[in-house]
Protein backbone atom coordinates (compact mmCIF):
# COMPACT_ATOMS: atom_id res chain seq x y z
CA ASN A 1 21.65 46.41 -42.19
CA ILE A 2 25.36 46.41 -42.99
CA ILE A 3 25.42 42.85 -44.36
CA SER A 4 22.24 43.62 -46.34
CA ARG A 5 23.87 46.63 -47.98
CA TRP A 6 26.87 44.49 -48.96
CA ASN A 7 24.56 41.80 -50.35
CA HIS A 8 22.68 44.47 -52.28
CA ALA A 9 25.92 45.74 -53.84
CA ARG A 10 26.89 42.20 -54.85
CA ARG A 11 23.46 41.39 -56.24
CA TYR A 12 22.59 44.58 -58.11
CA ILE A 13 25.91 45.77 -59.45
CA PRO A 14 26.73 42.81 -61.72
CA ILE A 15 30.28 43.80 -62.53
CA TRP A 16 31.12 44.35 -58.86
CA LYS A 17 31.35 41.27 -56.62
CA PRO A 18 33.41 42.43 -53.64
CA SER A 19 34.20 40.39 -50.56
CA PHE A 20 32.72 41.79 -47.36
CA ARG A 21 36.12 43.04 -46.12
CA TRP A 22 36.93 44.67 -49.44
CA TYR A 23 33.48 46.33 -49.58
CA CYS A 24 34.04 47.73 -46.08
CA ARG A 25 37.49 49.09 -46.91
CA ILE A 26 36.22 50.82 -50.06
CA MET A 27 33.16 52.28 -48.31
CA ASP A 28 35.26 53.50 -45.39
CA ARG A 29 37.71 55.25 -47.73
CA LEU A 30 35.02 56.76 -49.96
CA VAL A 31 32.35 57.68 -47.46
CA TRP A 32 33.70 58.19 -43.96
CA PRO A 33 37.39 57.69 -43.24
CA LEU A 34 37.19 57.07 -39.46
CA ARG A 35 40.53 56.11 -38.04
CA GLY A 36 41.76 54.35 -34.94
CA SER A 37 39.73 51.16 -34.98
CA ASP A 38 39.77 47.79 -36.69
CA MET A 39 35.96 47.96 -36.86
CA PRO A 40 34.95 46.94 -40.41
CA CYS A 41 32.42 49.15 -42.19
CA LYS A 42 32.81 52.11 -39.87
CA SER A 43 31.04 54.28 -42.45
CA GLU A 44 28.04 51.94 -42.46
CA PHE A 45 27.76 51.98 -38.66
CA TYR A 46 28.02 55.77 -38.77
CA ARG A 47 25.11 55.87 -41.22
CA TYR A 48 23.17 53.42 -39.08
CA VAL A 49 23.48 55.39 -35.85
CA VAL A 50 22.85 58.78 -37.49
CA TRP A 51 19.70 57.46 -39.23
CA HIS A 52 18.32 55.94 -36.03
CA ASN A 53 19.17 59.02 -33.95
CA HIS A 54 17.37 61.23 -36.45
CA ALA A 55 14.36 58.92 -36.72
CA SER A 56 14.13 58.82 -32.93
CA SER A 57 14.22 62.63 -32.77
CA LEU A 58 11.05 62.72 -34.90
CA GLU A 59 9.03 60.68 -32.41
CA GLY A 60 6.19 62.80 -31.11
CA SER A 61 5.89 64.77 -34.33
CA ILE A 62 5.02 61.75 -36.50
CA HIS A 63 3.40 58.37 -35.89
CA VAL A 64 6.00 55.72 -35.08
CA ARG A 65 5.88 51.96 -34.82
CA HIS A 66 8.86 50.03 -33.49
CA VAL A 67 9.30 46.57 -34.97
CA TYR A 68 12.02 44.32 -33.64
CA TYR A 69 13.93 41.84 -35.79
CA GLU A 70 12.83 38.78 -33.88
CA ASP A 71 9.15 39.73 -34.30
CA TYR A 72 9.14 39.77 -38.11
CA ASP A 73 8.04 36.14 -38.42
CA ASP A 74 5.00 36.74 -36.19
CA GLU A 75 1.56 37.04 -37.89
CA GLU A 76 0.41 39.64 -35.38
CA THR A 77 3.43 41.82 -36.13
CA MET A 78 2.79 41.59 -39.86
CA HIS A 79 -0.87 42.58 -39.44
CA GLY A 80 0.11 45.45 -37.13
CA VAL A 81 2.63 46.81 -39.64
CA LEU A 82 0.12 46.60 -42.48
CA GLU A 83 -2.47 48.38 -40.37
CA PHE A 84 0.06 51.07 -39.38
CA LEU A 85 0.93 51.62 -43.05
CA GLU A 86 -2.77 51.53 -43.97
CA LEU A 87 -2.16 48.73 -46.46
CA PRO A 88 -4.52 45.86 -47.25
CA ASP A 89 -3.75 42.44 -45.83
CA ARG A 90 -3.48 40.05 -48.75
CA GLN A 91 -3.38 36.68 -47.04
CA GLY A 92 -0.60 34.42 -48.28
CA SER A 93 1.11 37.03 -50.45
CA GLY A 94 3.88 37.93 -48.01
CA LEU A 95 7.51 36.94 -48.26
CA VAL A 96 8.86 34.24 -46.00
CA PHE A 97 11.06 35.69 -43.26
CA THR A 98 14.11 33.72 -42.20
CA SER A 99 15.28 34.74 -38.75
CA ASN A 100 18.52 34.03 -36.92
CA LYS A 101 20.68 34.14 -40.01
CA GLY A 102 23.75 34.55 -37.83
CA TYR A 103 26.34 36.96 -39.15
CA GLY A 104 28.86 36.29 -36.41
CA GLU A 105 31.52 35.12 -38.85
CA PHE A 106 31.79 38.60 -40.35
CA TYR A 107 33.21 40.11 -37.14
CA SER A 108 35.80 38.98 -34.62
CA PRO A 109 34.93 39.31 -30.90
CA GLU A 110 37.16 42.41 -30.73
CA GLN A 111 35.42 43.99 -33.72
CA ARG A 112 31.99 43.27 -32.20
CA ARG A 113 33.17 44.94 -28.99
CA ASP A 114 34.34 47.98 -31.00
CA VAL A 115 31.00 48.17 -32.84
CA TRP A 116 28.99 48.07 -29.62
CA GLN A 117 31.26 50.64 -27.99
CA TYR A 118 30.87 52.92 -31.01
CA LEU A 119 27.07 52.53 -31.01
CA GLN A 120 26.83 53.15 -27.28
CA GLU A 121 28.98 56.29 -27.54
CA HIS A 122 27.11 57.77 -30.52
CA ALA A 123 23.50 56.63 -30.11
CA THR A 124 21.05 58.80 -28.22
CA SER A 125 19.79 57.30 -24.97
CA ALA A 126 16.45 56.48 -26.64
CA VAL A 127 18.17 54.63 -29.49
CA TRP A 128 20.63 52.87 -27.19
CA SER A 129 17.78 51.64 -24.98
CA ARG A 130 16.38 49.79 -28.01
CA LEU A 131 19.76 48.56 -29.29
CA GLU A 132 21.09 47.26 -25.98
CA THR A 133 18.46 44.49 -26.11
CA TYR A 134 20.73 42.87 -28.70
CA TYR A 135 24.01 43.53 -26.91
CA SER A 136 25.82 40.68 -25.25
CA ALA A 137 29.02 41.60 -23.46
CA PRO A 138 32.19 40.00 -24.82
CA GLY A 139 33.68 37.31 -22.73
C-alpha cells in the first residue's frame, strides 16, 4: 500500500517525481508528524492501520470478503471476488497480477522491526491476526 501510494504520486503528478525517502519525509511533515522513530512513512502506516481497524469494526454489519495478497493470481480467488461484488466474469479481460515484487530494499531491518512493532501496538487483535501472517521476526 505505501509503495503503491508513492508510485501513484510519481505517476500521476507529472511535475512531482520524488524519491521514496523524500516522499515519506514530506508526507510525515504534512500529514502526521509522529516523532521518535526512524520508520519511513509513519503517516502512511498510521493511515493503513486506522483504515484496517475501522474496516474490521464493520464486520458483522456488512458483508466482508478477505483476500490475501498471495491469492490474487489464483483464478478461484478472482471468480470469488467478482461473485462477491456481483460483477460479470469476462474471461480473459483481467489484468495480469505480478506477485512477490519484493520491496525489501525500501526499509532497513531496523525500520521493518519498527513498522511491525507499530502495527502490532496499534492494530486491533482482529487486524493483527491477519497481518501477523506476513510478519517474520528480525534476526
